[in-house]
Amino acid sequence: MKLLFDQNISHRIIAKISADFAEATHVREVGLRDATDRVIWEYAKEFDYTIVTKDDDFEKFHLVWGAPPKVVWLKIGNSQTDEIARILIQQKERIQHFITKELEIGLLEIYPLTIIL
């Protein structure tokens, strides 16, 4: 799964999820550290990445232009990198299904998993 992490997620995420998401990279690793969201969108489209972001701008891009690229939108608030990694690993099968299957949808929203007692 080729994941491209947006600037709003720490580049440290890659080391924490590399065993589960071997083809994950961060925008700063591909020379897009200060790129606009539109440039990141075009890069992901050209190189067949799925964008992982906490930014709703990519949801808007998806609504206007559709997929590709696909977008995983983390609606998890101001979470620490360890928590983001935990959520991604927990959701690995769901993310993989979203990316690899010919689905009509190009946007996957992920929320934190909470248990209310």
N, C-alpha and C. Protein backbone atom coordinates (compact mmCIF):
# COMPACT_ATOMS: atom_id res chain seq x y z
N MET A 1 0.84 -1.18 0.00
CA MET A 1 0.00 0.00 0.00
C MET A 1 0.88 1.23 0.00
N LYS A 2 0.75 2.00 -1.03
CA LYS A 2 1.53 3.23 -1.15
C LYS A 2 0.77 4.37 -0.48
N LEU A 3 1.22 4.73 0.73
CA LEU A 3 0.61 5.81 1.48
C LEU A 3 1.53 7.02 1.47
N LEU A 4 0.96 8.19 1.25
CA LEU A 4 1.69 9.45 1.29
C LEU A 4 1.11 10.29 2.41
N PHE A 5 1.89 10.51 3.46
CA PHE A 5 1.43 11.26 4.61
C PHE A 5 1.63 12.76 4.41
N ASP A 6 0.58 13.48 4.71
CA ASP A 6 0.55 14.94 4.57
C ASP A 6 1.41 15.60 5.67
N GLN A 7 1.66 16.91 5.48
CA GLN A 7 2.48 17.67 6.42
C GLN A 7 1.89 17.72 7.82
N ASN A 8 0.57 17.61 7.94
CA ASN A 8 -0.05 17.75 9.26
C ASN A 8 0.08 16.50 10.13
N ILE A 9 0.80 15.52 9.64
CA ILE A 9 1.12 14.32 10.42
C ILE A 9 2.65 14.23 10.47
N SER A 10 3.17 14.01 11.65
CA SER A 10 4.62 13.98 11.82
C SER A 10 5.29 12.94 10.91
N HIS A 11 6.45 13.32 10.40
CA HIS A 11 7.22 12.38 9.58
C HIS A 11 7.67 11.17 10.39
N ARG A 12 7.64 11.27 11.70
CA ARG A 12 8.04 10.16 12.58
C ARG A 12 7.06 8.98 12.49
N ILE A 13 5.91 9.20 11.93
CA ILE A 13 4.91 8.13 11.79
C ILE A 13 5.46 6.97 10.96
N ILE A 14 6.28 7.28 9.98
CA ILE A 14 6.77 6.24 9.05
C ILE A 14 7.50 5.13 9.80
N ALA A 15 8.39 5.49 10.70
CA ALA A 15 9.13 4.47 11.47
C ALA A 15 8.20 3.63 12.34
N LYS A 16 7.12 4.23 12.80
CA LYS A 16 6.21 3.53 13.71
C LYS A 16 5.28 2.55 12.99
N ILE A 17 5.06 2.76 11.69
CA ILE A 17 4.12 1.89 10.96
C ILE A 17 4.78 1.09 9.84
N SER A 18 6.09 1.21 9.69
CA SER A 18 6.77 0.60 8.53
C SER A 18 6.60 -0.92 8.45
N ALA A 19 6.46 -1.60 9.57
CA ALA A 19 6.27 -3.05 9.52
C ALA A 19 4.91 -3.41 8.91
N ASP A 20 3.93 -2.54 9.08
CA ASP A 20 2.59 -2.80 8.56
C ASP A 20 2.31 -2.12 7.23
N PHE A 21 2.97 -1.01 6.99
CA PHE A 21 2.77 -0.23 5.77
C PHE A 21 4.15 0.07 5.16
N ALA A 22 4.71 -0.93 4.53
CA ALA A 22 6.10 -0.85 4.04
C ALA A 22 6.32 0.23 2.99
N GLU A 23 5.29 0.56 2.21
CA GLU A 23 5.45 1.55 1.14
C GLU A 23 4.98 2.94 1.54
N ALA A 24 4.87 3.19 2.83
CA ALA A 24 4.46 4.51 3.31
C ALA A 24 5.63 5.48 3.24
N THR A 25 5.31 6.71 2.89
CA THR A 25 6.30 7.77 2.88
C THR A 25 5.63 9.06 3.32
N HIS A 26 6.45 10.04 3.61
CA HIS A 26 5.97 11.34 4.07
C HIS A 26 6.31 12.37 3.01
N VAL A 27 5.50 13.42 2.91
CA VAL A 27 5.74 14.43 1.88
C VAL A 27 7.15 15.01 1.95
N ARG A 28 7.69 15.13 3.13
CA ARG A 28 9.04 15.69 3.23
C ARG A 28 10.10 14.74 2.66
N GLU A 29 9.81 13.44 2.63
CA GLU A 29 10.76 12.47 2.08
C GLU A 29 10.80 12.50 0.56
N VAL A 30 9.78 13.09 -0.06
CA VAL A 30 9.73 13.15 -1.52
C VAL A 30 9.85 14.59 -2.02
N GLY A 31 10.38 15.47 -1.17
CA GLY A 31 10.65 16.85 -1.58
C GLY A 31 9.44 17.76 -1.59
N LEU A 32 8.38 17.38 -0.87
CA LEU A 32 7.16 18.19 -0.86
C LEU A 32 6.85 18.78 0.51
N ARG A 33 7.86 19.00 1.30
CA ARG A 33 7.68 19.48 2.67
C ARG A 33 6.83 20.74 2.74
N ASP A 34 7.09 21.70 1.88
CA ASP A 34 6.37 22.97 1.90
C ASP A 34 5.41 23.13 0.72
N ALA A 35 5.08 22.03 0.09
CA ALA A 35 4.22 22.07 -1.10
C ALA A 35 2.77 22.39 -0.71
N THR A 36 2.05 22.95 -1.66
CA THR A 36 0.63 23.19 -1.45
C THR A 36 -0.12 21.86 -1.51
N ASP A 37 -1.32 21.88 -0.98
CA ASP A 37 -2.15 20.67 -1.04
C ASP A 37 -2.39 20.25 -2.48
N ARG A 38 -2.54 21.19 -3.37
CA ARG A 38 -2.79 20.86 -4.78
C ARG A 38 -1.58 20.14 -5.40
N VAL A 39 -0.38 20.58 -5.06
CA VAL A 39 0.83 19.92 -5.56
C VAL A 39 0.93 18.50 -5.00
N ILE A 40 0.61 18.34 -3.72
CA ILE A 40 0.62 17.02 -3.10
C ILE A 40 -0.41 16.12 -3.77
N TRP A 41 -1.58 16.64 -4.06
CA TRP A 41 -2.64 15.91 -4.75
C TRP A 41 -2.14 15.39 -6.10
N GLU A 42 -1.53 16.29 -6.87
CA GLU A 42 -1.05 15.92 -8.21
C GLU A 42 0.07 14.89 -8.13
N TYR A 43 0.97 15.04 -7.15
CA TYR A 43 2.05 14.07 -6.97
C TYR A 43 1.47 12.68 -6.65
N ALA A 44 0.53 12.64 -5.71
CA ALA A 44 -0.08 11.36 -5.33
C ALA A 44 -0.78 10.72 -6.53
N LYS A 45 -1.43 11.52 -7.31
CA LYS A 45 -2.12 11.00 -8.50
C LYS A 45 -1.12 10.44 -9.50
N GLU A 46 -0.05 11.18 -9.75
CA GLU A 46 0.95 10.75 -10.73
C GLU A 46 1.67 9.47 -10.32
N PHE A 47 1.97 9.34 -9.02
CA PHE A 47 2.77 8.22 -8.56
C PHE A 47 1.96 7.15 -7.81
N ASP A 48 0.65 7.20 -7.95
CA ASP A 48 -0.25 6.17 -7.44
C ASP A 48 -0.18 6.00 -5.92
N TYR A 49 -0.17 7.11 -5.20
CA TYR A 49 -0.22 7.09 -3.74
C TYR A 49 -1.64 7.34 -3.27
N THR A 50 -1.94 6.85 -2.09
CA THR A 50 -3.13 7.23 -1.34
C THR A 50 -2.68 8.25 -0.31
N ILE A 51 -3.34 9.38 -0.28
CA ILE A 51 -2.97 10.45 0.67
C ILE A 51 -3.58 10.13 2.03
N VAL A 52 -2.78 10.28 3.08
CA VAL A 52 -3.25 10.16 4.45
C VAL A 52 -3.10 11.53 5.09
N THR A 53 -4.19 12.06 5.59
CA THR A 53 -4.20 13.44 6.06
C THR A 53 -5.17 13.64 7.21
N LYS A 54 -5.02 14.76 7.90
CA LYS A 54 -6.00 15.22 8.86
C LYS A 54 -6.66 16.50 8.33
N ASP A 55 -6.35 16.85 7.10
CA ASP A 55 -6.74 18.11 6.47
C ASP A 55 -8.02 17.92 5.65
N ASP A 56 -9.03 18.74 5.91
CA ASP A 56 -10.28 18.61 5.15
C ASP A 56 -10.18 19.16 3.73
N ASP A 57 -9.07 19.82 3.39
CA ASP A 57 -8.90 20.31 2.01
C ASP A 57 -8.89 19.14 1.01
N PHE A 58 -8.31 18.02 1.41
CA PHE A 58 -8.26 16.87 0.51
C PHE A 58 -9.65 16.26 0.31
N GLU A 59 -10.51 16.38 1.31
CA GLU A 59 -11.89 15.94 1.15
C GLU A 59 -12.57 16.81 0.09
N LYS A 60 -12.30 18.11 0.13
CA LYS A 60 -12.87 19.03 -0.86
C LYS A 60 -12.34 18.72 -2.26
N PHE A 61 -11.05 18.46 -2.35
CA PHE A 61 -10.48 18.08 -3.65
C PHE A 61 -11.17 16.84 -4.19
N HIS A 62 -11.37 15.87 -3.30
CA HIS A 62 -12.02 14.63 -3.71
C HIS A 62 -13.44 14.89 -4.23
N LEU A 63 -14.16 15.76 -3.56
CA LEU A 63 -15.53 16.08 -3.98
C LEU A 63 -15.54 16.73 -5.36
N VAL A 64 -14.53 17.54 -5.66
CA VAL A 64 -14.47 18.24 -6.94
C VAL A 64 -13.92 17.35 -8.05
N TRP A 65 -12.80 16.68 -7.79
CA TRP A 65 -12.09 15.94 -8.85
C TRP A 65 -12.24 14.43 -8.78
N GLY A 66 -12.70 13.91 -7.65
CA GLY A 66 -12.81 12.46 -7.51
C GLY A 66 -11.45 11.79 -7.39
N ALA A 67 -11.46 10.48 -7.48
CA ALA A 67 -10.22 9.71 -7.37
C ALA A 67 -9.79 9.26 -8.75
N PRO A 68 -8.52 9.02 -8.98
CA PRO A 68 -7.42 9.06 -8.02
C PRO A 68 -6.94 10.49 -7.78
N PRO A 69 -6.18 10.67 -6.73
CA PRO A 69 -5.79 9.68 -5.73
C PRO A 69 -6.91 9.46 -4.72
N LYS A 70 -6.80 8.33 -4.05
CA LYS A 70 -7.70 8.08 -2.94
C LYS A 70 -7.16 8.82 -1.72
N VAL A 71 -8.06 9.06 -0.76
CA VAL A 71 -7.70 9.82 0.43
C VAL A 71 -8.18 9.08 1.67
N VAL A 72 -7.28 8.93 2.64
CA VAL A 72 -7.64 8.45 3.97
C VAL A 72 -7.62 9.69 4.87
N TRP A 73 -8.80 10.06 5.34
CA TRP A 73 -8.95 11.27 6.15
C TRP A 73 -9.06 10.87 7.62
N LEU A 74 -8.04 11.19 8.39
CA LEU A 74 -8.00 10.87 9.82
C LEU A 74 -8.74 11.96 10.59
N LYS A 75 -9.91 11.63 11.05
CA LYS A 75 -10.73 12.58 11.80
C LYS A 75 -10.56 12.26 13.28
N ILE A 76 -9.33 12.46 13.75
CA ILE A 76 -8.97 12.00 15.09
C ILE A 76 -8.49 13.14 15.99
N GLY A 77 -8.68 14.36 15.55
CA GLY A 77 -8.29 15.49 16.39
C GLY A 77 -6.79 15.62 16.53
N ASN A 78 -6.40 16.22 17.61
CA ASN A 78 -5.00 16.54 17.87
C ASN A 78 -4.31 15.37 18.56
N SER A 79 -4.12 14.29 17.85
CA SER A 79 -3.56 13.06 18.43
C SER A 79 -2.05 13.01 18.29
N GLN A 80 -1.42 12.36 19.24
CA GLN A 80 0.02 12.13 19.21
C GLN A 80 0.36 11.10 18.13
N THR A 81 1.59 11.11 17.68
CA THR A 81 2.04 10.21 16.63
C THR A 81 1.84 8.74 17.02
N ASP A 82 2.11 8.38 18.26
CA ASP A 82 1.91 7.00 18.71
C ASP A 82 0.44 6.59 18.59
N GLU A 83 -0.45 7.50 18.92
CA GLU A 83 -1.88 7.20 18.84
C GLU A 83 -2.32 7.06 17.38
N ILE A 84 -1.81 7.91 16.51
CA ILE A 84 -2.13 7.81 15.08
C ILE A 84 -1.63 6.47 14.53
N ALA A 85 -0.42 6.09 14.90
CA ALA A 85 0.14 4.81 14.44
C ALA A 85 -0.73 3.65 14.93
N ARG A 86 -1.15 3.70 16.17
CA ARG A 86 -1.99 2.64 16.73
C ARG A 86 -3.30 2.52 15.95
N ILE A 87 -3.92 3.64 15.67
CA ILE A 87 -5.20 3.63 14.93
C ILE A 87 -5.00 3.08 13.52
N LEU A 88 -3.94 3.52 12.85
CA LEU A 88 -3.68 3.04 11.49
C LEU A 88 -3.44 1.53 11.46
N ILE A 89 -2.66 1.05 12.40
CA ILE A 89 -2.38 -0.39 12.46
C ILE A 89 -3.66 -1.17 12.76
N GLN A 90 -4.48 -0.65 13.67
CA GLN A 90 -5.77 -1.30 13.96
C GLN A 90 -6.67 -1.35 12.73
N GLN A 91 -6.57 -0.33 11.89
CA GLN A 91 -7.44 -0.20 10.72
C GLN A 91 -6.77 -0.70 9.43
N LYS A 92 -5.66 -1.41 9.56
CA LYS A 92 -4.89 -1.84 8.41
C LYS A 92 -5.73 -2.59 7.37
N GLU A 93 -6.48 -3.57 7.79
CA GLU A 93 -7.27 -4.35 6.82
C GLU A 93 -8.31 -3.48 6.12
N ARG A 94 -8.92 -2.62 6.84
CA ARG A 94 -9.91 -1.70 6.26
C ARG A 94 -9.26 -0.77 5.23
N ILE A 95 -8.10 -0.23 5.58
CA ILE A 95 -7.36 0.65 4.67
C ILE A 95 -6.93 -0.13 3.43
N GLN A 96 -6.42 -1.33 3.64
CA GLN A 96 -5.98 -2.15 2.52
C GLN A 96 -7.15 -2.46 1.58
N HIS A 97 -8.28 -2.81 2.13
CA HIS A 97 -9.47 -3.09 1.32
C HIS A 97 -9.86 -1.83 0.53
N PHE A 98 -9.87 -0.70 1.18
CA PHE A 98 -10.22 0.57 0.53
C PHE A 98 -9.29 0.87 -0.65
N ILE A 99 -8.01 0.65 -0.46
CA ILE A 99 -7.03 0.98 -1.49
C ILE A 99 -7.03 -0.03 -2.64
N THR A 100 -7.08 -1.30 -2.31
CA THR A 100 -6.86 -2.32 -3.34
C THR A 100 -8.11 -2.75 -4.09
N LYS A 101 -9.27 -2.55 -3.54
CA LYS A 101 -10.50 -2.97 -4.21
C LYS A 101 -11.00 -1.87 -5.12
N GLU A 102 -11.64 -2.26 -6.18
CA GLU A 102 -12.24 -1.32 -7.11
C GLU A 102 -13.55 -0.82 -6.52
N LEU A 103 -13.43 0.10 -5.60
CA LEU A 103 -14.60 0.65 -4.94
C LEU A 103 -15.02 1.95 -5.62
N GLU A 104 -16.26 2.27 -5.53
CA GLU A 104 -16.78 3.51 -6.11
C GLU A 104 -16.35 4.73 -5.30
N ILE A 105 -15.93 4.50 -4.08
CA ILE A 105 -15.56 5.62 -3.22
C ILE A 105 -14.06 5.85 -3.24
N GLY A 106 -13.67 7.10 -3.06
CA GLY A 106 -12.25 7.44 -3.04
C GLY A 106 -11.83 8.12 -1.76
N LEU A 107 -12.72 8.17 -0.77
CA LEU A 107 -12.43 8.83 0.49
C LEU A 107 -12.83 7.91 1.63
N LEU A 108 -11.87 7.63 2.50
CA LEU A 108 -12.12 6.81 3.68
C LEU A 108 -11.91 7.68 4.91
N GLU A 109 -12.94 7.82 5.72
CA GLU A 109 -12.83 8.57 6.98
C GLU A 109 -12.57 7.60 8.12
N ILE A 110 -11.58 7.94 8.92
CA ILE A 110 -11.24 7.10 10.07
C ILE A 110 -11.37 7.94 11.33
N TYR A 111 -12.12 7.38 12.27
CA TYR A 111 -12.36 8.02 13.55
C TYR A 111 -11.65 7.24 14.64
N PRO A 112 -11.36 7.88 15.77
CA PRO A 112 -10.75 7.11 16.86
C PRO A 112 -11.73 6.07 17.38
N LEU A 113 -11.20 4.94 17.74
CA LEU A 113 -12.04 3.88 18.31
C LEU A 113 -12.13 4.10 19.81
N THR A 114 -13.32 4.35 20.29
CA THR A 114 -13.51 4.54 21.72
C THR A 114 -14.56 3.57 22.21
N ILE A 115 -14.37 3.14 23.41
CA ILE A 115 -15.32 2.24 24.05
C ILE A 115 -15.97 3.00 25.18
N ILE A 116 -17.28 3.06 25.16
CA ILE A 116 -18.00 3.75 26.21
C ILE A 116 -18.60 2.69 27.13
N LEU A 117 -18.27 2.80 28.40
CA LEU A 117 -18.78 1.82 29.39
C LEU A 117 -19.94 2.40 30.15
